[in-house]
């Protein structure tokens, strides 16, 4: 079988997104750029944990940061990852037809 371009990178993306807390942070950042404090409050996570997750997301190129005075505001690097997460959430909320296989 020929190698599919981008498959390995896509698998890495899903590994990074394979954590409920990181998914929550991406969802929050899909709405607006936020500080660590705001993310911690809105996600009901500790600031150190949010910082760890943001570091992982930044290393994967999914999140960017910009200093504003004493604060750092985090944002999604692009909207592609937001679409992946929002589509996944919409997918799992759809009703299923279990038991109606043909």
PDB file of N, CA and C in Angstrom:
ATOM      1  N   UNK A   1       0.847  -1.181   0.000  1.00  0.00           N
ATOM      2  CA  UNK A   1       0.000   0.000   0.000  1.00  0.00           C
ATOM      3  C   UNK A   1       0.889   1.239   0.000  1.00  0.00           C
ATOM      4  N   UNK A   2       0.552   2.205  -0.833  1.00  0.00           N
ATOM      5  CA  UNK A   2       1.291   3.461  -0.857  1.00  0.00           C
ATOM      6  C   UNK A   2       1.024   4.241   0.429  1.00  0.00           C
ATOM      7  N   UNK A   3       2.046   4.952   0.856  1.00  0.00           N
ATOM      8  CA  UNK A   3       1.924   5.773   2.059  1.00  0.00           C
ATOM      9  C   UNK A   3       1.010   6.972   1.766  1.00  0.00           C
ATOM     10  N   UNK A   4       0.099   7.236   2.672  1.00  0.00           N
ATOM     11  CA  UNK A   4      -0.829   8.353   2.521  1.00  0.00           C
ATOM     12  C   UNK A   4      -0.173   9.587   3.116  1.00  0.00           C
ATOM     13  N   UNK A   5      -0.031  10.629   2.326  1.00  0.00           N
ATOM     14  CA  UNK A   5       0.614  11.861   2.774  1.00  0.00           C
ATOM     15  C   UNK A   5      -0.144  12.473   3.939  1.00  0.00           C
ATOM     16  N   UNK A   6       0.570  12.825   4.991  1.00  0.00           N
ATOM     17  CA  UNK A   6      -0.015  13.500   6.140  1.00  0.00           C
ATOM     18  C   UNK A   6      -0.636  12.585   7.181  1.00  0.00           C
ATOM     19  N   UNK A   7      -0.665  11.285   6.915  1.00  0.00           N
ATOM     20  CA  UNK A   7      -1.322  10.358   7.837  1.00  0.00           C
ATOM     21  C   UNK A   7      -0.629  10.323   9.204  1.00  0.00           C
ATOM     22  N   UNK A   8       0.692  10.270   9.200  1.00  0.00           N
ATOM     23  CA  UNK A   8       1.440  10.224  10.462  1.00  0.00           C
ATOM     24  C   UNK A   8       1.215  11.506  11.264  1.00  0.00           C
ATOM     25  N   UNK A   9       1.238  12.642  10.591  1.00  0.00           N
ATOM     26  CA  UNK A   9       1.021  13.923  11.260  1.00  0.00           C
ATOM     27  C   UNK A   9      -0.402  14.029  11.812  1.00  0.00           C
ATOM     28  N   UNK A  10      -1.364  13.501  11.072  1.00  0.00           N
ATOM     29  CA  UNK A  10      -2.754  13.517  11.537  1.00  0.00           C
ATOM     30  C   UNK A  10      -2.907  12.643  12.788  1.00  0.00           C
ATOM     31  N   UNK A  11      -2.214  11.511  12.808  1.00  0.00           N
ATOM     32  CA  UNK A  11      -2.254  10.640  13.988  1.00  0.00           C
ATOM     33  C   UNK A  11      -1.677  11.362  15.203  1.00  0.00           C
ATOM     34  N   UNK A  12      -0.596  12.114  14.994  1.00  0.00           N
ATOM     35  CA  UNK A  12      -0.004  12.896  16.090  1.00  0.00           C
ATOM     36  C   UNK A  12      -0.984  13.965  16.579  1.00  0.00           C
ATOM     37  N   UNK A  13      -1.683  14.592  15.656  1.00  0.00           N
ATOM     38  CA  UNK A  13      -2.691  15.592  16.019  1.00  0.00           C
ATOM     39  C   UNK A  13      -3.752  14.972  16.929  1.00  0.00           C
ATOM     40  N   UNK A  14      -4.235  13.785  16.551  1.00  0.00           N
ATOM     41  CA  UNK A  14      -5.260  13.135  17.357  1.00  0.00           C
ATOM     42  C   UNK A  14      -4.719  12.699  18.711  1.00  0.00           C
ATOM     43  N   UNK A  15      -3.438  12.347  18.787  1.00  0.00           N
ATOM     44  CA  UNK A  15      -2.833  12.030  20.086  1.00  0.00           C
ATOM     45  C   UNK A  15      -2.874  13.248  20.992  1.00  0.00           C
ATOM     46  N   UNK A  16      -2.501  14.412  20.446  1.00  0.00           N
ATOM     47  CA  UNK A  16      -2.510  15.646  21.236  1.00  0.00           C
ATOM     48  C   UNK A  16      -3.931  15.985  21.669  1.00  0.00           C
ATOM     49  N   UNK A  17      -4.887  15.802  20.788  1.00  0.00           N
ATOM     50  CA  UNK A  17      -6.279  16.131  21.092  1.00  0.00           C
ATOM     51  C   UNK A  17      -6.980  15.036  21.893  1.00  0.00           C
ATOM     52  N   UNK A  18      -6.309  13.921  22.127  1.00  0.00           N
ATOM     53  CA  UNK A  18      -6.911  12.785  22.813  1.00  0.00           C
ATOM     54  C   UNK A  18      -6.969  12.930  24.322  1.00  0.00           C
ATOM     55  N   UNK A  19      -7.248  14.120  24.787  1.00  0.00           N
ATOM     56  CA  UNK A  19      -7.332  14.402  26.213  1.00  0.00           C
ATOM     57  C   UNK A  19      -8.508  15.361  26.414  1.00  0.00           C
ATOM     58  N   UNK A  20      -9.413  15.003  27.310  1.00  0.00           N
ATOM     59  CA  UNK A  20     -10.623  15.798  27.501  1.00  0.00           C
ATOM     60  C   UNK A  20     -10.314  17.242  27.898  1.00  0.00           C
ATOM     61  N   UNK A  21      -9.313  17.438  28.744  1.00  0.00           N
ATOM     62  CA  UNK A  21      -8.968  18.796  29.174  1.00  0.00           C
ATOM     63  C   UNK A  21      -8.441  19.624  28.012  1.00  0.00           C
ATOM     64  N   UNK A  22      -7.596  19.026  27.170  1.00  0.00           N
ATOM     65  CA  UNK A  22      -7.080  19.768  26.021  1.00  0.00           C
ATOM     66  C   UNK A  22      -8.197  20.069  25.028  1.00  0.00           C
ATOM     67  N   UNK A  23      -9.134  19.143  24.862  1.00  0.00           N
ATOM     68  CA  UNK A  23     -10.286  19.409  23.995  1.00  0.00           C
ATOM     69  C   UNK A  23     -11.090  20.591  24.528  1.00  0.00           C
ATOM     70  N   UNK A  24     -11.266  20.643  25.844  1.00  0.00           N
ATOM     71  CA  UNK A  24     -12.002  21.754  26.448  1.00  0.00           C
ATOM     72  C   UNK A  24     -11.279  23.073  26.200  1.00  0.00           C
ATOM     73  N   UNK A  25      -9.959  23.073  26.330  1.00  0.00           N
ATOM     74  CA  UNK A  25      -9.193  24.298  26.098  1.00  0.00           C
ATOM     75  C   UNK A  25      -9.298  24.737  24.643  1.00  0.00           C
ATOM     76  N   UNK A  26      -9.215  23.796  23.718  1.00  0.00           N
ATOM     77  CA  UNK A  26      -9.359  24.139  22.300  1.00  0.00           C
ATOM     78  C   UNK A  26     -10.755  24.694  22.039  1.00  0.00           C
ATOM     79  N   UNK A  27     -11.762  24.075  22.635  1.00  0.00           N
ATOM     80  CA  UNK A  27     -13.137  24.570  22.458  1.00  0.00           C
ATOM     81  C   UNK A  27     -13.250  26.001  22.963  1.00  0.00           C
ATOM     82  N   UNK A  28     -12.711  26.268  24.159  1.00  0.00           N
ATOM     83  CA  UNK A  28     -12.766  27.627  24.710  1.00  0.00           C
ATOM     84  C   UNK A  28     -12.018  28.617  23.822  1.00  0.00           C
ATOM     85  N   UNK A  29     -10.851  28.210  23.341  1.00  0.00           N
ATOM     86  CA  UNK A  29     -10.061  29.108  22.491  1.00  0.00           C
ATOM     87  C   UNK A  29     -10.674  29.281  21.107  1.00  0.00           C
ATOM     88  N   UNK A  30     -11.565  28.395  20.712  1.00  0.00           N
ATOM     89  CA  UNK A  30     -12.229  28.556  19.418  1.00  0.00           C
ATOM     90  C   UNK A  30     -13.196  29.734  19.462  1.00  0.00           C
ATOM     91  N   UNK A  31     -13.576  30.146  20.666  1.00  0.00           N
ATOM     92  CA  UNK A  31     -14.518  31.250  20.840  1.00  0.00           C
ATOM     93  C   UNK A  31     -13.813  32.591  20.912  1.00  0.00           C
ATOM     94  N   UNK A  32     -12.634  32.623  21.591  1.00  0.00           N
ATOM     95  CA  UNK A  32     -11.885  33.871  21.745  1.00  0.00           C
ATOM     96  C   UNK A  32     -10.535  33.586  22.397  1.00  0.00           C
ATOM     97  N   UNK A  33      -9.552  34.433  22.172  1.00  0.00           N
ATOM     98  CA  UNK A  33      -8.266  34.304  22.865  1.00  0.00           C
ATOM     99  C   UNK A  33      -8.464  34.548  24.368  1.00  0.00           C
ATOM    100  N   UNK A  34      -7.762  33.783  25.188  1.00  0.00           N
ATOM    101  CA  UNK A  34      -7.923  33.876  26.642  1.00  0.00           C
ATOM    102  C   UNK A  34      -6.587  33.749  27.359  1.00  0.00           C
ATOM    103  N   UNK A  35      -6.543  34.249  28.580  1.00  0.00           N
ATOM    104  CA  UNK A  35      -5.366  34.098  29.433  1.00  0.00           C
ATOM    105  C   UNK A  35      -5.440  32.747  30.148  1.00  0.00           C
ATOM    106  N   UNK A  36      -4.327  32.356  30.769  1.00  0.00           N
ATOM    107  CA  UNK A  36      -4.306  31.112  31.541  1.00  0.00           C
ATOM    108  C   UNK A  36      -5.344  31.186  32.664  1.00  0.00           C
ATOM    109  N   UNK A  37      -5.426  32.323  33.319  1.00  0.00           N
ATOM    110  CA  UNK A  37      -6.377  32.491  34.420  1.00  0.00           C
ATOM    111  C   UNK A  37      -7.817  32.287  33.936  1.00  0.00           C
ATOM    112  N   UNK A  38      -8.163  32.919  32.828  1.00  0.00           N
ATOM    113  CA  UNK A  38      -9.517  32.773  32.284  1.00  0.00           C
ATOM    114  C   UNK A  38      -9.785  31.332  31.844  1.00  0.00           C
ATOM    115  N   UNK A  39      -8.789  30.711  31.210  1.00  0.00           N
ATOM    116  CA  UNK A  39      -8.951  29.316  30.785  1.00  0.00           C
ATOM    117  C   UNK A  39      -9.149  28.405  31.995  1.00  0.00           C
ATOM    118  N   UNK A  40      -8.365  28.621  33.042  1.00  0.00           N
ATOM    119  CA  UNK A  40      -8.469  27.792  34.250  1.00  0.00           C
ATOM    120  C   UNK A  40      -9.857  27.932  34.871  1.00  0.00           C
ATOM    121  N   UNK A  41     -10.340  29.163  34.955  1.00  0.00           N
ATOM    122  CA  UNK A  41     -11.668  29.394  35.528  1.00  0.00           C
ATOM    123  C   UNK A  41     -12.761  28.748  34.690  1.00  0.00           C
ATOM    124  N   UNK A  42     -12.716  28.981  33.387  1.00  0.00           N
ATOM    125  CA  UNK A  42     -13.786  28.485  32.518  1.00  0.00           C
ATOM    126  C   UNK A  42     -13.749  26.972  32.334  1.00  0.00           C
ATOM    127  N   UNK A  43     -12.561  26.385  32.398  1.00  0.00           N
ATOM    128  CA  UNK A  43     -12.447  24.934  32.236  1.00  0.00           C
ATOM    129  C   UNK A  43     -12.488  24.199  33.575  1.00  0.00           C
ATOM    130  N   UNK A  44     -12.526  24.960  34.674  1.00  0.00           N
ATOM    131  CA  UNK A  44     -12.520  24.377  36.025  1.00  0.00           C
ATOM    132  C   UNK A  44     -11.295  23.487  36.236  1.00  0.00           C
ATOM    133  N   UNK A  45     -10.132  23.990  35.807  1.00  0.00           N
ATOM    134  CA  UNK A  45      -8.857  23.290  35.972  1.00  0.00           C
ATOM    135  C   UNK A  45      -7.904  24.206  36.724  1.00  0.00           C
ATOM    136  N   UNK A  46      -6.879  23.624  37.330  1.00  0.00           N
ATOM    137  CA  UNK A  46      -5.881  24.442  38.013  1.00  0.00           C
ATOM    138  C   UNK A  46      -5.015  25.167  36.975  1.00  0.00           C
ATOM    139  N   UNK A  47      -4.474  26.308  37.374  1.00  0.00           N
ATOM    140  CA  UNK A  47      -3.613  27.057  36.461  1.00  0.00           C
ATOM    141  C   UNK A  47      -2.383  26.251  36.031  1.00  0.00           C
ATOM    142  N   UNK A  48      -1.716  25.529  36.954  1.00  0.00           N
ATOM    143  CA  UNK A  48      -0.563  24.734  36.512  1.00  0.00           C
ATOM    144  C   UNK A  48      -0.941  23.671  35.469  1.00  0.00           C
ATOM    145  N   UNK A  49      -2.106  23.047  35.642  1.00  0.00           N
ATOM    146  CA  UNK A  49      -2.547  22.036  34.675  1.00  0.00           C
ATOM    147  C   UNK A  49      -2.858  22.669  33.324  1.00  0.00           C
ATOM    148  N   UNK A  50      -3.514  23.820  33.346  1.00  0.00           N
ATOM    149  CA  UNK A  50      -3.799  24.531  32.100  1.00  0.00           C
ATOM    150  C   UNK A  50      -2.488  24.890  31.406  1.00  0.00           C
ATOM    151  N   UNK A  51      -1.522  25.376  32.157  1.00  0.00           N
ATOM    152  CA  UNK A  51      -0.219  25.726  31.581  1.00  0.00           C
ATOM    153  C   UNK A  51       0.451  24.520  30.940  1.00  0.00           C
ATOM    154  N   UNK A  52       0.378  23.362  31.586  1.00  0.00           N
ATOM    155  CA  UNK A  52       0.955  22.135  31.003  1.00  0.00           C
ATOM    156  C   UNK A  52       0.275  21.784  29.689  1.00  0.00           C
ATOM    157  N   UNK A  53      -1.048  21.838  29.688  1.00  0.00           N
ATOM    158  CA  UNK A  53      -1.785  21.507  28.463  1.00  0.00           C
ATOM    159  C   UNK A  53      -1.496  22.520  27.353  1.00  0.00           C
ATOM    160  N   UNK A  54      -1.409  23.793  27.711  1.00  0.00           N
ATOM    161  CA  UNK A  54      -1.088  24.814  26.710  1.00  0.00           C
ATOM    162  C   UNK A  54       0.297  24.584  26.118  1.00  0.00           C
ATOM    163  N   UNK A  55       1.240  24.154  26.938  1.00  0.00           N
ATOM    164  CA  UNK A  55       2.583  23.862  26.433  1.00  0.00           C
ATOM    165  C   UNK A  55       2.519  22.738  25.392  1.00  0.00           C
ATOM    166  N   UNK A  56       1.752  21.697  25.690  1.00  0.00           N
ATOM    167  CA  UNK A  56       1.585  20.587  24.743  1.00  0.00           C
ATOM    168  C   UNK A  56       0.948  21.078  23.447  1.00  0.00           C
ATOM    169  N   UNK A  57      -0.089  21.901  23.569  1.00  0.00           N
ATOM    170  CA  UNK A  57      -0.780  22.422  22.391  1.00  0.00           C
ATOM    171  C   UNK A  57       0.122  23.358  21.582  1.00  0.00           C
ATOM    172  N   UNK A  58       0.941  24.134  22.267  1.00  0.00           N
ATOM    173  CA  UNK A  58       1.880  25.031  21.569  1.00  0.00           C
ATOM    174  C   UNK A  58       2.949  24.233  20.843  1.00  0.00           C
ATOM    175  N   UNK A  59       3.483  23.199  21.502  1.00  0.00           N
ATOM    176  CA  UNK A  59       4.514  22.366  20.869  1.00  0.00           C
ATOM    177  C   UNK A  59       3.990  21.678  19.624  1.00  0.00           C
ATOM    178  N   UNK A  60       2.698  21.397  19.609  1.00  0.00           N
ATOM    179  CA  UNK A  60       2.073  20.762  18.443  1.00  0.00           C
ATOM    180  C   UNK A  60       1.689  21.796  17.381  1.00  0.00           C
ATOM    181  N   UNK A  61       1.914  23.067  17.675  1.00  0.00           N
ATOM    182  CA  UNK A  61       1.595  24.116  16.712  1.00  0.00           C
ATOM    183  C   UNK A  61       0.123  24.464  16.635  1.00  0.00           C
ATOM    184  N   UNK A  62      -0.643  24.072  17.657  1.00  0.00           N
ATOM    185  CA  UNK A  62      -2.088  24.307  17.625  1.00  0.00           C
ATOM    186  C   UNK A  62      -2.495  25.606  18.301  1.00  0.00           C
ATOM    187  N   UNK A  63      -1.642  26.104  19.195  1.00  0.00           N
ATOM    188  CA  UNK A  63      -1.948  27.304  19.967  1.00  0.00           C
ATOM    189  C   UNK A  63      -0.793  28.282  19.837  1.00  0.00           C
ATOM    190  N   UNK A  64      -1.127  29.553  19.761  1.00  0.00           N
ATOM    191  CA  UNK A  64      -0.115  30.613  19.754  1.00  0.00           C
ATOM    192  C   UNK A  64      -0.349  31.497  20.975  1.00  0.00           C
ATOM    193  N   UNK A  65       0.638  32.318  21.297  1.00  0.00           N
ATOM    194  CA  UNK A  65       0.500  33.206  22.450  1.00  0.00           C
ATOM    195  C   UNK A  65       0.995  34.591  22.088  1.00  0.00           C
ATOM    196  N   UNK A  66       0.422  35.578  22.774  1.00  0.00           N
ATOM    197  CA  UNK A  66       0.810  36.967  22.553  1.00  0.00           C
ATOM    198  C   UNK A  66       0.782  37.685  23.893  1.00  0.00           C
ATOM    199  N   UNK A  67       1.875  38.338  24.216  1.00  0.00           N
ATOM    200  CA  UNK A  67       1.960  39.076  25.478  1.00  0.00           C
ATOM    201  C   UNK A  67       1.200  40.383  25.360  1.00  0.00           C
ATOM    202  N   UNK A  68       0.376  40.656  26.374  1.00  0.00           N
ATOM    203  CA  UNK A  68      -0.351  41.919  26.484  1.00  0.00           C
ATOM    204  C   UNK A  68      -0.075  42.474  27.873  1.00  0.00           C
ATOM    205  N   UNK A  69       0.924  43.335  27.991  1.00  0.00           N
ATOM    206  CA  UNK A  69       1.317  43.852  29.296  1.00  0.00           C
ATOM    207  C   UNK A  69       1.892  42.734  30.143  1.00  0.00           C
ATOM    208  N   UNK A  70       1.288  42.489  31.297  1.00  0.00           N
ATOM    209  CA  UNK A  70       1.758  41.431  32.200  1.00  0.00           C
ATOM    210  C   UNK A  70       1.157  40.072  31.861  1.00  0.00           C
ATOM    211  N   UNK A  71       0.153  40.059  31.010  1.00  0.00           N
ATOM    212  CA  UNK A  71      -0.553  38.813  30.705  1.00  0.00           C
ATOM    213  C   UNK A  71      -0.160  38.265  29.340  1.00  0.00           C
ATOM    214  N   UNK A  72      -0.335  36.967  29.232  1.00  0.00           N
ATOM    215  CA  UNK A  72      -0.164  36.304  27.938  1.00  0.00           C
ATOM    216  C   UNK A  72      -1.528  35.777  27.533  1.00  0.00           C
ATOM    217  N   UNK A  73      -1.936  36.136  26.341  1.00  0.00           N
ATOM    218  CA  UNK A  73      -3.224  35.703  25.807  1.00  0.00           C
ATOM    219  C   UNK A  73      -2.958  34.581  24.800  1.00  0.00           C
ATOM    220  N   UNK A  74      -3.691  33.491  24.947  1.00  0.00           N
ATOM    221  CA  UNK A  74      -3.541  32.321  24.073  1.00  0.00           C
ATOM    222  C   UNK A  74      -4.677  32.273  23.067  1.00  0.00           C
ATOM    223  N   UNK A  75      -4.347  31.824  21.858  1.00  0.00           N
ATOM    224  CA  UNK A  75      -5.334  31.709  20.784  1.00  0.00           C
ATOM    225  C   UNK A  75      -5.016  30.480  19.952  1.00  0.00           C
ATOM    226  N   UNK A  76      -5.987  30.013  19.204  1.00  0.00           N
ATOM    227  CA  UNK A  76      -5.717  28.919  18.273  1.00  0.00           C
ATOM    228  C   UNK A  76      -4.848  29.451  17.146  1.00  0.00           C
ATOM    229  N   UNK A  77      -3.897  28.636  16.724  1.00  0.00           N
ATOM    230  CA  UNK A  77      -2.995  29.041  15.648  1.00  0.00           C
ATOM    231  C   UNK A  77      -3.762  29.204  14.339  1.00  0.00           C
ATOM    232  N   UNK A  78      -4.771  28.372  14.128  1.00  0.00           N
ATOM    233  CA  UNK A  78      -5.675  28.514  12.986  1.00  0.00           C
ATOM    234  C   UNK A  78      -6.978  27.815  13.326  1.00  0.00           C
ATOM    235  N   UNK A  79      -7.977  28.016  12.514  1.00  0.00           N
ATOM    236  CA  UNK A  79      -9.312  27.483  12.817  1.00  0.00           C
ATOM    237  C   UNK A  79      -9.503  26.029  12.398  1.00  0.00           C
ATOM    238  N   UNK A  80      -8.527  25.433  11.709  1.00  0.00           N
ATOM    239  CA  UNK A  80      -8.693  24.030  11.304  1.00  0.00           C
ATOM    240  C   UNK A  80      -8.908  23.118  12.504  1.00  0.00           C
ATOM    241  N   UNK A  81      -8.105  23.307  13.535  1.00  0.00           N
ATOM    242  CA  UNK A  81      -8.225  22.445  14.706  1.00  0.00           C
ATOM    243  C   UNK A  81      -9.558  22.670  15.412  1.00  0.00           C
ATOM    244  N   UNK A  82     -10.055  23.895  15.405  1.00  0.00           N
ATOM    245  CA  UNK A  82     -11.369  24.162  15.990  1.00  0.00           C
ATOM    246  C   UNK A  82     -12.441  23.375  15.258  1.00  0.00           C
ATOM    247  N   UNK A  83     -12.363  23.338  13.930  1.00  0.00           N
ATOM    248  CA  UNK A  83     -13.341  22.575  13.146  1.00  0.00           C
ATOM    249  C   UNK A  83     -13.291  21.094  13.489  1.00  0.00           C
ATOM    250  N   UNK A  84     -12.090  20.548  13.646  1.00  0.00           N
ATOM    251  CA  UNK A  84     -11.949  19.128  13.992  1.00  0.00           C
ATOM    252  C   UNK A  84     -12.634  18.847  15.327  1.00  0.00           C
ATOM    253  N   UNK A  85     -12.348  19.678  16.324  1.00  0.00           N
ATOM    254  CA  UNK A  85     -12.907  19.470  17.660  1.00  0.00           C
ATOM    255  C   UNK A  85     -14.409  19.702  17.671  1.00  0.00           C
ATOM    256  N   UNK A  86     -14.868  20.787  17.072  1.00  0.00           N
ATOM    257  CA  UNK A  86     -16.300  21.076  17.067  1.00  0.00           C
ATOM    258  C   UNK A  86     -17.082  20.019  16.292  1.00  0.00           C
ATOM    259  N   UNK A  87     -16.514  19.531  15.187  1.00  0.00           N
ATOM    260  CA  UNK A  87     -17.170  18.460  14.425  1.00  0.00           C
ATOM    261  C   UNK A  87     -17.224  17.164  15.233  1.00  0.00           C
ATOM    262  N   UNK A  88     -16.157  16.867  15.978  1.00  0.00           N
ATOM    263  CA  UNK A  88     -16.139  15.654  16.807  1.00  0.00           C
ATOM    264  C   UNK A  88     -17.206  15.740  17.902  1.00  0.00           C
ATOM    265  N   UNK A  89     -17.326  16.907  18.521  1.00  0.00           N
ATOM    266  CA  UNK A  89     -18.340  17.088  19.565  1.00  0.00           C
ATOM    267  C   UNK A  89     -19.743  16.954  18.970  1.00  0.00           C
ATOM    268  N   UNK A  90     -19.965  17.573  17.821  1.00  0.00           N
ATOM    269  CA  UNK A  90     -21.273  17.466  17.160  1.00  0.00           C
ATOM    270  C   UNK A  90     -21.567  16.012  16.798  1.00  0.00           C
ATOM    271  N   UNK A  91     -20.557  15.303  16.326  1.00  0.00           N
ATOM    272  CA  UNK A  91     -20.737  13.904  15.924  1.00  0.00           C
ATOM    273  C   UNK A  91     -21.194  13.034  17.094  1.00  0.00           C
ATOM    274  N   UNK A  92     -20.550  13.183  18.254  1.00  0.00           N
ATOM    275  CA  UNK A  92     -20.905  12.323  19.388  1.00  0.00           C
ATOM    276  C   UNK A  92     -22.237  12.701  20.009  1.00  0.00           C
ATOM    277  N   UNK A  93     -22.752  13.884  19.689  1.00  0.00           N
ATOM    278  CA  UNK A  93     -24.047  14.305  20.213  1.00  0.00           C
ATOM    279  C   UNK A  93     -25.203  13.913  19.301  1.00  0.00           C
ATOM    280  N   UNK A  94     -24.878  13.413  18.110  1.00  0.00           N
ATOM    281  CA  UNK A  94     -25.923  12.989  17.181  1.00  0.00           C
ATOM    282  C   UNK A  94     -26.564  11.702  17.690  1.00  0.00           C
ATOM    283  N   UNK A  95     -27.868  11.573  17.485  1.00  0.00           N
ATOM    284  CA  UNK A  95     -28.519  10.307  17.878  1.00  0.00           C
ATOM    285  C   UNK A  95     -28.001   9.169  17.004  1.00  0.00           C
ATOM    286  N   UNK A  96     -27.903   8.012  17.600  1.00  0.00           N
ATOM    287  CA  UNK A  96     -27.437   6.842  16.854  1.00  0.00           C
ATOM    288  C   UNK A  96     -28.602   5.886  16.628  1.00  0.00           C
ATOM    289  N   UNK A  97     -28.476   5.089  15.596  1.00  0.00           N
ATOM    290  CA  UNK A  97     -29.475   4.068  15.283  1.00  0.00           C
ATOM    291  C   UNK A  97     -28.923   2.711  15.672  1.00  0.00           C
ATOM    292  N   UNK A  98     -28.577   2.541  16.934  1.00  0.00           N
ATOM    293  CA  UNK A  98     -28.016   1.273  17.384  1.00  0.00           C
ATOM    294  C   UNK A  98     -29.052   0.169  17.219  1.00  0.00           C
ATOM    295  N   UNK A  99     -28.571  -0.943  16.724  1.00  0.00           N
ATOM    296  CA  UNK A  99     -29.449  -2.090  16.543  1.00  0.00           C
ATOM    297  C   UNK A  99     -30.192  -2.070  15.225  1.00  0.00           C
ATOM    298  N   UNK A 100     -30.011  -1.041  14.411  1.00  0.00           N
ATOM    299  CA  UNK A 100     -30.699  -0.956  13.132  1.00  0.00           C
ATOM    300  C   UNK A 100     -29.753  -1.174  11.978  1.00  0.00           C
ATOM    301  N   UNK A 101     -28.739  -2.028  12.177  1.00  0.00           N
ATOM    302  CA  UNK A 101     -27.772  -2.284  11.103  1.00  0.00           C
ATOM    303  C   UNK A 101     -28.428  -3.145  10.045  1.00  0.00           C
ATOM    304  N   UNK A 102     -28.037  -2.892   8.804  1.00  0.00           N
ATOM    305  CA  UNK A 102     -28.621  -3.671   7.703  1.00  0.00           C
ATOM    306  C   UNK A 102     -27.627  -4.630   7.159  1.00  0.00           C
TER     307      UNK A 102
END
